[in-house]
């Protein structure tokens, strides 16, 4: 996978993340780009869900 393909995949996943967790800002998602643990932490701060629940949902979004 080249850089453009990787960026395109991230853009698609990023859009799904923002749809799923609508309170996340573009900046919050962008800051966490490529760092799943940081993204999970940001989602936990806003929503209070468990790390496992968020990780499972993220994995589903990435597979789709």
N, C-alpha and C. Protein backbone atom coordinates (compact mmCIF):
# COMPACT_ATOMS: atom_id res chain seq x y z
N UNK A 1 0.85 -1.17 0.00
CA UNK A 1 0.00 0.00 0.00
C UNK A 1 0.90 1.23 0.00
N UNK A 2 0.65 2.17 -0.91
CA UNK A 2 1.47 3.36 -0.96
C UNK A 2 0.90 4.44 -0.04
N UNK A 3 1.59 5.55 0.04
CA UNK A 3 1.22 6.63 0.95
C UNK A 3 -0.18 7.17 0.64
N UNK A 4 -0.50 7.35 -0.63
CA UNK A 4 -1.82 7.87 -1.00
C UNK A 4 -2.94 6.91 -0.61
N UNK A 5 -2.69 5.62 -0.79
CA UNK A 5 -3.69 4.63 -0.40
C UNK A 5 -3.89 4.62 1.11
N UNK A 6 -2.79 4.71 1.83
CA UNK A 6 -2.86 4.74 3.29
C UNK A 6 -3.63 5.97 3.76
N UNK A 7 -3.34 7.12 3.17
CA UNK A 7 -4.02 8.36 3.54
C UNK A 7 -5.51 8.27 3.20
N UNK A 8 -5.83 7.69 2.06
CA UNK A 8 -7.23 7.53 1.67
C UNK A 8 -7.98 6.63 2.64
N UNK A 9 -7.34 5.56 3.06
CA UNK A 9 -7.95 4.65 4.04
C UNK A 9 -8.17 5.38 5.36
N UNK A 10 -7.17 6.14 5.82
CA UNK A 10 -7.31 6.88 7.07
C UNK A 10 -8.44 7.90 6.95
N UNK A 11 -8.55 8.59 5.83
CA UNK A 11 -9.61 9.57 5.64
C UNK A 11 -10.98 8.92 5.76
N UNK A 12 -11.12 7.74 5.19
CA UNK A 12 -12.38 7.01 5.25
C UNK A 12 -12.69 6.59 6.69
N UNK A 13 -11.70 6.05 7.38
CA UNK A 13 -11.89 5.62 8.77
C UNK A 13 -12.17 6.84 9.65
N UNK A 14 -11.46 7.92 9.40
CA UNK A 14 -11.64 9.15 10.17
C UNK A 14 -13.08 9.65 10.05
N UNK A 15 -13.63 9.60 8.87
CA UNK A 15 -15.02 10.03 8.67
C UNK A 15 -15.98 9.12 9.45
N UNK A 16 -15.72 7.82 9.45
CA UNK A 16 -16.55 6.89 10.19
C UNK A 16 -16.44 7.14 11.69
N UNK A 17 -15.25 7.46 12.16
CA UNK A 17 -15.03 7.76 13.58
C UNK A 17 -15.85 8.98 13.98
N UNK A 18 -15.82 10.01 13.16
CA UNK A 18 -16.56 11.24 13.47
C UNK A 18 -18.06 11.00 13.41
N UNK A 19 -18.52 10.10 12.54
CA UNK A 19 -19.94 9.77 12.48
C UNK A 19 -20.36 9.00 13.74
N UNK A 20 -19.51 8.09 14.17
CA UNK A 20 -19.83 7.26 15.32
C UNK A 20 -19.76 8.05 16.63
N UNK A 21 -18.72 8.84 16.77
CA UNK A 21 -18.52 9.65 17.97
C UNK A 21 -18.56 11.12 17.56
N UNK A 22 -19.76 11.61 17.34
CA UNK A 22 -19.99 12.94 16.78
C UNK A 22 -19.44 14.11 17.58
N UNK A 23 -19.18 13.91 18.87
CA UNK A 23 -18.65 15.01 19.69
C UNK A 23 -17.14 15.23 19.49
N UNK A 24 -16.49 14.30 18.82
CA UNK A 24 -15.06 14.48 18.55
C UNK A 24 -14.88 15.54 17.47
N UNK A 25 -13.93 16.42 17.68
CA UNK A 25 -13.66 17.45 16.67
C UNK A 25 -12.69 16.91 15.63
N UNK A 26 -12.64 17.59 14.51
CA UNK A 26 -11.66 17.22 13.47
C UNK A 26 -10.25 17.28 14.04
N UNK A 27 -9.97 18.30 14.84
CA UNK A 27 -8.63 18.45 15.42
C UNK A 27 -8.27 17.29 16.34
N UNK A 28 -9.22 16.83 17.13
CA UNK A 28 -8.95 15.72 18.04
C UNK A 28 -8.64 14.44 17.26
N UNK A 29 -9.38 14.20 16.22
CA UNK A 29 -9.13 13.00 15.40
C UNK A 29 -7.80 13.14 14.68
N UNK A 30 -7.53 14.33 14.16
CA UNK A 30 -6.27 14.55 13.43
C UNK A 30 -5.06 14.39 14.35
N UNK A 31 -5.14 14.91 15.58
CA UNK A 31 -4.03 14.80 16.53
C UNK A 31 -3.73 13.35 16.86
N UNK A 32 -4.75 12.52 16.86
CA UNK A 32 -4.58 11.10 17.19
C UNK A 32 -4.24 10.25 15.98
N UNK A 33 -4.14 10.85 14.81
CA UNK A 33 -3.91 10.11 13.58
C UNK A 33 -2.75 9.12 13.73
N UNK A 34 -3.04 7.88 13.46
CA UNK A 34 -2.01 6.85 13.51
C UNK A 34 -1.71 6.33 14.90
N UNK A 35 -2.32 6.90 15.93
CA UNK A 35 -2.07 6.47 17.30
C UNK A 35 -3.39 6.03 17.91
N UNK A 36 -3.64 4.75 17.83
CA UNK A 36 -4.91 4.20 18.28
C UNK A 36 -5.13 4.43 19.77
N UNK A 37 -4.09 4.30 20.58
CA UNK A 37 -4.24 4.49 22.02
C UNK A 37 -4.65 5.93 22.36
N UNK A 38 -4.08 6.88 21.65
CA UNK A 38 -4.45 8.28 21.90
C UNK A 38 -5.89 8.53 21.47
N UNK A 39 -6.29 7.97 20.37
CA UNK A 39 -7.67 8.13 19.90
C UNK A 39 -8.63 7.52 20.92
N UNK A 40 -8.32 6.35 21.41
CA UNK A 40 -9.16 5.71 22.42
C UNK A 40 -9.25 6.59 23.67
N UNK A 41 -8.14 7.16 24.09
CA UNK A 41 -8.14 8.04 25.27
C UNK A 41 -9.03 9.26 25.04
N UNK A 42 -8.97 9.85 23.87
CA UNK A 42 -9.80 11.02 23.57
C UNK A 42 -11.29 10.66 23.56
N UNK A 43 -11.61 9.50 23.02
CA UNK A 43 -13.00 9.05 23.01
C UNK A 43 -13.47 8.78 24.44
N UNK A 44 -12.62 8.15 25.24
CA UNK A 44 -12.98 7.86 26.64
C UNK A 44 -13.25 9.14 27.41
N UNK A 45 -12.46 10.18 27.16
CA UNK A 45 -12.66 11.46 27.84
C UNK A 45 -14.04 12.04 27.54
N UNK A 46 -14.47 11.91 26.31
CA UNK A 46 -15.75 12.51 25.90
C UNK A 46 -16.95 11.63 26.22
N UNK A 47 -16.79 10.32 26.13
CA UNK A 47 -17.93 9.43 26.23
C UNK A 47 -17.94 8.52 27.45
N UNK A 48 -16.79 8.28 28.06
CA UNK A 48 -16.74 7.45 29.26
C UNK A 48 -16.86 5.96 29.02
N UNK A 49 -16.82 5.54 27.76
CA UNK A 49 -16.89 4.11 27.45
C UNK A 49 -15.58 3.43 27.86
N UNK A 50 -15.64 2.12 28.02
CA UNK A 50 -14.44 1.37 28.38
C UNK A 50 -13.48 1.30 27.19
N UNK A 51 -12.22 1.12 27.51
CA UNK A 51 -11.19 1.01 26.48
C UNK A 51 -11.48 -0.15 25.54
N UNK A 52 -11.93 -1.26 26.11
CA UNK A 52 -12.22 -2.45 25.32
C UNK A 52 -13.37 -2.23 24.35
N UNK A 53 -14.41 -1.55 24.83
CA UNK A 53 -15.59 -1.27 23.99
C UNK A 53 -15.20 -0.38 22.82
N UNK A 54 -14.42 0.65 23.10
CA UNK A 54 -13.99 1.58 22.06
C UNK A 54 -13.07 0.87 21.07
N UNK A 55 -12.13 0.09 21.57
CA UNK A 55 -11.20 -0.62 20.69
C UNK A 55 -11.95 -1.58 19.77
N UNK A 56 -12.95 -2.26 20.31
CA UNK A 56 -13.74 -3.19 19.49
C UNK A 56 -14.48 -2.44 18.39
N UNK A 57 -15.08 -1.31 18.73
CA UNK A 57 -15.82 -0.52 17.73
C UNK A 57 -14.85 0.03 16.68
N UNK A 58 -13.68 0.51 17.10
CA UNK A 58 -12.68 1.01 16.15
C UNK A 58 -12.26 -0.10 15.18
N UNK A 59 -12.04 -1.29 15.71
CA UNK A 59 -11.65 -2.41 14.85
C UNK A 59 -12.73 -2.71 13.81
N UNK A 60 -14.00 -2.64 14.23
CA UNK A 60 -15.10 -2.86 13.29
C UNK A 60 -15.10 -1.80 12.19
N UNK A 61 -14.89 -0.53 12.59
CA UNK A 61 -14.87 0.56 11.62
C UNK A 61 -13.74 0.40 10.61
N UNK A 62 -12.59 -0.07 11.10
CA UNK A 62 -11.43 -0.23 10.23
C UNK A 62 -11.60 -1.40 9.26
N UNK A 63 -12.35 -2.41 9.68
CA UNK A 63 -12.57 -3.57 8.82
C UNK A 63 -13.58 -3.29 7.72
N UNK A 64 -14.55 -2.44 7.98
CA UNK A 64 -15.60 -2.14 7.00
C UNK A 64 -15.06 -1.43 5.79
